[in-house]
Amino acid sequence: MRREVLTWLDVDRLIDHLTPQFEVEFDAMVMITRGGICPGGMLAEALDLTILLTASIDFPAEFEQEKLPEKARLMAWPKFIQFPTSDILAGKKTLIVDDVWGSGRTITAVKNHIVSAGGMPYTCVLHFNPYRNLFGTVRPDYFAAITDAYIIYPWEIKRGPQAALLRDF
């Protein structure tokens, strides 16, 4: 699989490409941990949003599903580790932010949870990969780029003393 390493400048350009697309004035934002935190913060600043929430969900580990066929593994139910309460989301136009829509499982699970809470969700990612999408013609409401590559964002780069020694500053 082709890999693409992005810089902070690349991400800034993607954010600049997204912001003119928004036709809705959002009441709140739900950032999916961990990938949606950095782009969500950047978008919140650009859109002047102050109700910023996080959603943390997990899917069963592969070793827990190893006897299942691949399609069944991809359709596993998510475990909501952290999620805003319904009273916060009800009636709010909510922008859901993540870094990438690969299979679409995570952001779709968050979207459906917001709908069940009475909110009006809109999905937003930096990169949309239509070749991995499990949801047919369903796609993000907003995205900055289409890709078939494995994207490595600047917030995913290894940190710490050992990594700092290896970098060329």
C-alpha atoms as a PDB file:
ATOM      1  CA  MET A   1       0.000   0.000   0.000  1.00  0.00           C
ATOM      2  CA  ARG A   2       1.244   3.437  -0.903  1.00  0.00           C
ATOM      3  CA  ARG A   3       2.111   5.626   2.104  1.00  0.00           C
ATOM      4  CA  GLU A   4       1.984   9.395   2.312  1.00  0.00           C
ATOM      5  CA  VAL A   5       3.582  11.391   5.146  1.00  0.00           C
ATOM      6  CA  LEU A   6       2.020  14.811   5.751  1.00  0.00           C
ATOM      7  CA  THR A   7       3.509  17.907   7.349  1.00  0.00           C
ATOM      8  CA  TRP A   8       1.670  20.451   9.493  1.00  0.00           C
ATOM      9  CA  LEU A   9       1.639  22.741   6.456  1.00  0.00           C
ATOM     10  CA  ASP A  10      -0.133  20.007   4.458  1.00  0.00           C
ATOM     11  CA  VAL A  11      -2.749  19.707   7.213  1.00  0.00           C
ATOM     12  CA  ASP A  12      -3.166  23.485   7.322  1.00  0.00           C
ATOM     13  CA  ARG A  13      -3.874  23.470   3.576  1.00  0.00           C
ATOM     14  CA  LEU A  14      -6.445  20.690   4.013  1.00  0.00           C
ATOM     15  CA  ILE A  15      -8.197  22.725   6.730  1.00  0.00           C
ATOM     16  CA  ASP A  16      -8.190  25.750   4.409  1.00  0.00           C
ATOM     17  CA  HIS A  17      -9.796  23.570   1.731  1.00  0.00           C
ATOM     18  CA  LEU A  18     -12.512  22.375   4.133  1.00  0.00           C
ATOM     19  CA  THR A  19     -13.680  25.608   5.728  1.00  0.00           C
ATOM     20  CA  PRO A  20     -15.300  27.167   2.626  1.00  0.00           C
ATOM     21  CA  GLN A  21     -17.351  23.970   2.125  1.00  0.00           C
ATOM     22  CA  PHE A  22     -19.440  24.408   5.278  1.00  0.00           C
ATOM     23  CA  GLU A  23     -22.934  25.639   4.434  1.00  0.00           C
ATOM     24  CA  VAL A  24     -24.260  25.003   7.940  1.00  0.00           C
ATOM     25  CA  GLU A  25     -23.644  26.933  11.139  1.00  0.00           C
ATOM     26  CA  PHE A  26     -22.801  24.210  13.633  1.00  0.00           C
ATOM     27  CA  ASP A  27     -23.788  24.270  17.297  1.00  0.00           C
ATOM     28  CA  ALA A  28     -21.219  21.737  18.461  1.00  0.00           C
ATOM     29  CA  MET A  29     -18.358  19.514  17.380  1.00  0.00           C
ATOM     30  CA  VAL A  30     -17.593  15.915  18.292  1.00  0.00           C
ATOM     31  CA  MET A  31     -13.953  14.984  17.706  1.00  0.00           C
ATOM     32  CA  ILE A  32     -13.224  11.284  17.401  1.00  0.00           C
ATOM     33  CA  THR A  33     -10.232  10.285  19.483  1.00  0.00           C
ATOM     34  CA  ARG A  34      -7.412  10.282  18.661  1.00  0.00           C
ATOM     35  CA  GLY A  35      -7.235  11.170  14.976  1.00  0.00           C
ATOM     36  CA  GLY A  36      -9.931  13.848  15.081  1.00  0.00           C
ATOM     37  CA  ILE A  37      -8.445  15.876  17.940  1.00  0.00           C
ATOM     38  CA  CYS A  38      -5.893  17.927  15.957  1.00  0.00           C
ATOM     39  CA  PRO A  39      -8.002  18.661  12.861  1.00  0.00           C
ATOM     40  CA  GLY A  40     -11.030  19.209  15.118  1.00  0.00           C
ATOM     41  CA  GLY A  41      -9.182  21.816  17.157  1.00  0.00           C
ATOM     42  CA  MET A  42      -8.038  23.591  14.011  1.00  0.00           C
ATOM     43  CA  LEU A  43     -11.554  23.578  12.571  1.00  0.00           C
ATOM     44  CA  ALA A  44     -13.091  24.703  15.876  1.00  0.00           C
ATOM     45  CA  GLU A  45     -10.800  27.725  15.855  1.00  0.00           C
ATOM     46  CA  ALA A  46     -11.585  28.509  12.198  1.00  0.00           C
ATOM     47  CA  LEU A  47     -15.357  28.116  12.743  1.00  0.00           C
ATOM     48  CA  ASP A  48     -15.380  29.808  16.161  1.00  0.00           C
ATOM     49  CA  LEU A  49     -17.031  26.775  17.776  1.00  0.00           C
ATOM     50  CA  THR A  50     -17.002  26.603  21.563  1.00  0.00           C
ATOM     51  CA  ILE A  51     -18.944  23.402  22.314  1.00  0.00           C
ATOM     52  CA  LEU A  52     -16.213  20.824  21.708  1.00  0.00           C
ATOM     53  CA  LEU A  53     -16.836  17.208  22.660  1.00  0.00           C
ATOM     54  CA  THR A  54     -15.011  13.927  22.203  1.00  0.00           C
ATOM     55  CA  ALA A  55     -16.082  10.422  21.313  1.00  0.00           C
ATOM     56  CA  SER A  56     -13.932   7.410  21.968  1.00  0.00           C
ATOM     57  CA  ILE A  57     -15.038   4.092  20.543  1.00  0.00           C
ATOM     58  CA  ASP A  58     -13.388   0.769  19.978  1.00  0.00           C
ATOM     59  CA  PHE A  59     -14.090  -2.315  17.921  1.00  0.00           C
ATOM     60  CA  PRO A  60     -13.290  -5.813  19.216  1.00  0.00           C
ATOM     61  CA  ALA A  61      -9.662  -6.782  18.678  1.00  0.00           C
ATOM     62  CA  GLU A  62      -8.973  -9.164  15.822  1.00  0.00           C
ATOM     63  CA  PHE A  63      -7.833 -11.941  18.180  1.00  0.00           C
ATOM     64  CA  GLU A  64     -11.301 -11.831  19.765  1.00  0.00           C
ATOM     65  CA  GLN A  65     -12.852 -12.443  16.338  1.00  0.00           C
ATOM     66  CA  GLU A  66     -10.243 -14.632  14.662  1.00  0.00           C
ATOM     67  CA  LYS A  67     -12.701 -17.447  13.924  1.00  0.00           C
ATOM     68  CA  LEU A  68     -15.144 -15.113  12.198  1.00  0.00           C
ATOM     69  CA  PRO A  69     -15.057 -14.507   8.432  1.00  0.00           C
ATOM     70  CA  GLU A  70     -13.511 -11.177   7.395  1.00  0.00           C
ATOM     71  CA  LYS A  71     -16.851  -9.556   6.499  1.00  0.00           C
ATOM     72  CA  ALA A  72     -18.285 -10.472   9.919  1.00  0.00           C
ATOM     73  CA  ARG A  73     -15.214  -8.981  11.638  1.00  0.00           C
ATOM     74  CA  LEU A  74     -15.747  -5.703   9.813  1.00  0.00           C
ATOM     75  CA  MET A  75     -19.394  -5.604  10.908  1.00  0.00           C
ATOM     76  CA  ALA A  76     -18.596  -5.987  14.636  1.00  0.00           C
ATOM     77  CA  TRP A  77     -20.522  -3.754  17.051  1.00  0.00           C
ATOM     78  CA  PRO A  78     -18.523  -0.848  18.465  1.00  0.00           C
ATOM     79  CA  LYS A  79     -17.865  -0.334  22.153  1.00  0.00           C
ATOM     80  CA  PHE A  80     -18.519   3.283  23.189  1.00  0.00           C
ATOM     81  CA  ILE A  81     -15.819   4.099  25.736  1.00  0.00           C
ATOM     82  CA  GLN A  82     -16.628   7.799  26.034  1.00  0.00           C
ATOM     83  CA  PHE A  83     -19.492   9.692  24.425  1.00  0.00           C
ATOM     84  CA  PRO A  84     -21.384  12.952  25.080  1.00  0.00           C
ATOM     85  CA  THR A  85     -24.747  12.553  26.771  1.00  0.00           C
ATOM     86  CA  SER A  86     -27.979  12.847  24.807  1.00  0.00           C
ATOM     87  CA  ASP A  87     -29.019  16.068  26.548  1.00  0.00           C
ATOM     88  CA  ILE A  88     -25.900  17.799  25.193  1.00  0.00           C
ATOM     89  CA  LEU A  89     -26.481  16.596  21.607  1.00  0.00           C
ATOM     90  CA  ALA A  90     -30.277  16.793  21.306  1.00  0.00           C
ATOM     91  CA  GLY A  91     -31.368  19.361  18.735  1.00  0.00           C
ATOM     92  CA  LYS A  92     -27.807  20.433  17.910  1.00  0.00           C
ATOM     93  CA  LYS A  93     -26.245  20.592  14.469  1.00  0.00           C
ATOM     94  CA  THR A  94     -23.071  18.687  15.265  1.00  0.00           C
ATOM     95  CA  LEU A  95     -19.941  18.441  13.145  1.00  0.00           C
ATOM     96  CA  ILE A  96     -18.191  15.077  13.619  1.00  0.00           C
ATOM     97  CA  VAL A  97     -14.475  15.296  12.864  1.00  0.00           C
ATOM     98  CA  ASP A  98     -11.939  12.541  12.244  1.00  0.00           C
ATOM     99  CA  ASP A  99      -8.719  12.450  10.283  1.00  0.00           C
ATOM    100  CA  VAL A 100      -9.646   9.772   7.750  1.00  0.00           C
ATOM    101  CA  TRP A 101     -12.676   7.833   6.512  1.00  0.00           C
ATOM    102  CA  GLY A 102     -11.215   4.445   5.653  1.00  0.00           C
ATOM    103  CA  SER A 103     -13.810   1.746   6.182  1.00  0.00           C
ATOM    104  CA  GLY A 104     -16.181   4.373   7.627  1.00  0.00           C
ATOM    105  CA  ARG A 105     -17.108   2.178  10.620  1.00  0.00           C
ATOM    106  CA  THR A 106     -16.001   4.577  13.358  1.00  0.00           C
ATOM    107  CA  ILE A 107     -17.497   7.802  12.042  1.00  0.00           C
ATOM    108  CA  THR A 108     -20.712   6.044  10.996  1.00  0.00           C
ATOM    109  CA  ALA A 109     -21.104   4.578  14.492  1.00  0.00           C
ATOM    110  CA  VAL A 110     -20.640   8.054  15.988  1.00  0.00           C
ATOM    111  CA  LYS A 111     -23.088   9.571  13.495  1.00  0.00           C
ATOM    112  CA  ASN A 112     -25.755   6.985  14.301  1.00  0.00           C
ATOM    113  CA  HIS A 113     -25.266   7.498  18.033  1.00  0.00           C
ATOM    114  CA  ILE A 114     -25.798  11.256  17.607  1.00  0.00           C
ATOM    115  CA  VAL A 115     -28.947  10.642  15.561  1.00  0.00           C
ATOM    116  CA  SER A 116     -30.284   8.381  18.323  1.00  0.00           C
ATOM    117  CA  ALA A 117     -29.566  11.182  20.824  1.00  0.00           C
ATOM    118  CA  GLY A 118     -31.724  13.581  18.786  1.00  0.00           C
ATOM    119  CA  GLY A 119     -28.836  15.490  17.212  1.00  0.00           C
ATOM    120  CA  MET A 120     -28.251  16.436  13.589  1.00  0.00           C
ATOM    121  CA  PRO A 121     -24.809  15.078  12.622  1.00  0.00           C
ATOM    122  CA  TYR A 122     -22.568  16.110   9.751  1.00  0.00           C
ATOM    123  CA  THR A 123     -19.415  14.115   9.020  1.00  0.00           C
ATOM    124  CA  CYS A 124     -16.058  15.694   8.191  1.00  0.00           C
ATOM    125  CA  VAL A 125     -12.641  14.156   7.506  1.00  0.00           C
ATOM    126  CA  LEU A 126      -9.377  15.303   6.033  1.00  0.00           C
ATOM    127  CA  HIS A 127      -9.091  12.233   3.777  1.00  0.00           C
ATOM    128  CA  PHE A 128     -11.755  10.001   2.266  1.00  0.00           C
ATOM    129  CA  ASN A 129     -10.722   6.575   0.952  1.00  0.00           C
ATOM    130  CA  PRO A 130     -13.591   5.370  -1.266  1.00  0.00           C
ATOM    131  CA  TYR A 131     -11.729   2.123  -2.020  1.00  0.00           C
ATOM    132  CA  ARG A 132     -11.977   0.927   1.612  1.00  0.00           C
ATOM    133  CA  ASN A 133     -15.458   2.322   2.325  1.00  0.00           C
ATOM    134  CA  LEU A 134     -17.854  -0.329   3.680  1.00  0.00           C
ATOM    135  CA  PHE A 135     -20.963   1.798   3.185  1.00  0.00           C
ATOM    136  CA  GLY A 136     -21.487   1.737  -0.577  1.00  0.00           C
ATOM    137  CA  THR A 137     -22.169   5.200  -1.935  1.00  0.00           C
ATOM    138  CA  VAL A 138     -22.320   6.800   1.527  1.00  0.00           C
ATOM    139  CA  ARG A 139     -19.488   9.272   1.959  1.00  0.00           C
ATOM    140  CA  PRO A 140     -18.503  12.043   4.350  1.00  0.00           C
ATOM    141  CA  ASP A 141     -20.526  15.242   4.163  1.00  0.00           C
ATOM    142  CA  TYR A 142     -17.248  17.172   4.010  1.00  0.00           C
ATOM    143  CA  PHE A 143     -13.746  16.035   3.099  1.00  0.00           C
ATOM    144  CA  ALA A 144     -10.596  17.784   1.935  1.00  0.00           C
ATOM    145  CA  ALA A 145      -9.080  15.069  -0.266  1.00  0.00           C
ATOM    146  CA  ILE A 146      -9.695  11.637  -1.756  1.00  0.00           C
ATOM    147  CA  THR A 147      -6.906   9.093  -1.392  1.00  0.00           C
ATOM    148  CA  ASP A 148      -6.007   5.450  -1.787  1.00  0.00           C
ATOM    149  CA  ALA A 149      -2.848   5.846   0.307  1.00  0.00           C
ATOM    150  CA  TYR A 150      -2.132   5.087   3.943  1.00  0.00           C
ATOM    151  CA  ILE A 151      -1.810   8.606   5.377  1.00  0.00           C
ATOM    152  CA  ILE A 152       0.616   9.388   8.196  1.00  0.00           C
ATOM    153  CA  TYR A 153      -0.339  12.650   9.902  1.00  0.00           C
ATOM    154  CA  PRO A 154       2.171  14.838  11.759  1.00  0.00           C
ATOM    155  CA  TRP A 155       0.546  14.020  15.115  1.00  0.00           C
ATOM    156  CA  GLU A 156       1.246  10.317  14.502  1.00  0.00           C
ATOM    157  CA  ILE A 157       5.005  10.728  14.316  1.00  0.00           C
ATOM    158  CA  LYS A 158       6.880   9.003  17.145  1.00  0.00           C
ATOM    159  CA  ARG A 159       7.712  11.306  20.057  1.00  0.00           C
ATOM    160  CA  GLY A 160      10.023  11.123  23.053  1.00  0.00           C
ATOM    161  CA  PRO A 161      13.760  11.363  23.764  1.00  0.00           C
ATOM    162  CA  GLN A 162      14.804   8.588  21.356  1.00  0.00           C
ATOM    163  CA  ALA A 163      12.774   9.997  18.483  1.00  0.00           C
ATOM    164  CA  ALA A 164      14.159  13.501  19.081  1.00  0.00           C
ATOM    165  CA  LEU A 165      17.707  12.183  18.687  1.00  0.00           C
ATOM    166  CA  LEU A 166      16.870  10.758  15.281  1.00  0.00           C
ATOM    167  CA  ARG A 167      15.286  13.903  13.840  1.00  0.00           C
ATOM    168  CA  ASP A 168      17.103  16.369  11.665  1.00  0.00           C
ATOM    169  CA  PHE A 169      16.153  19.788  13.050  1.00  0.00           C
END
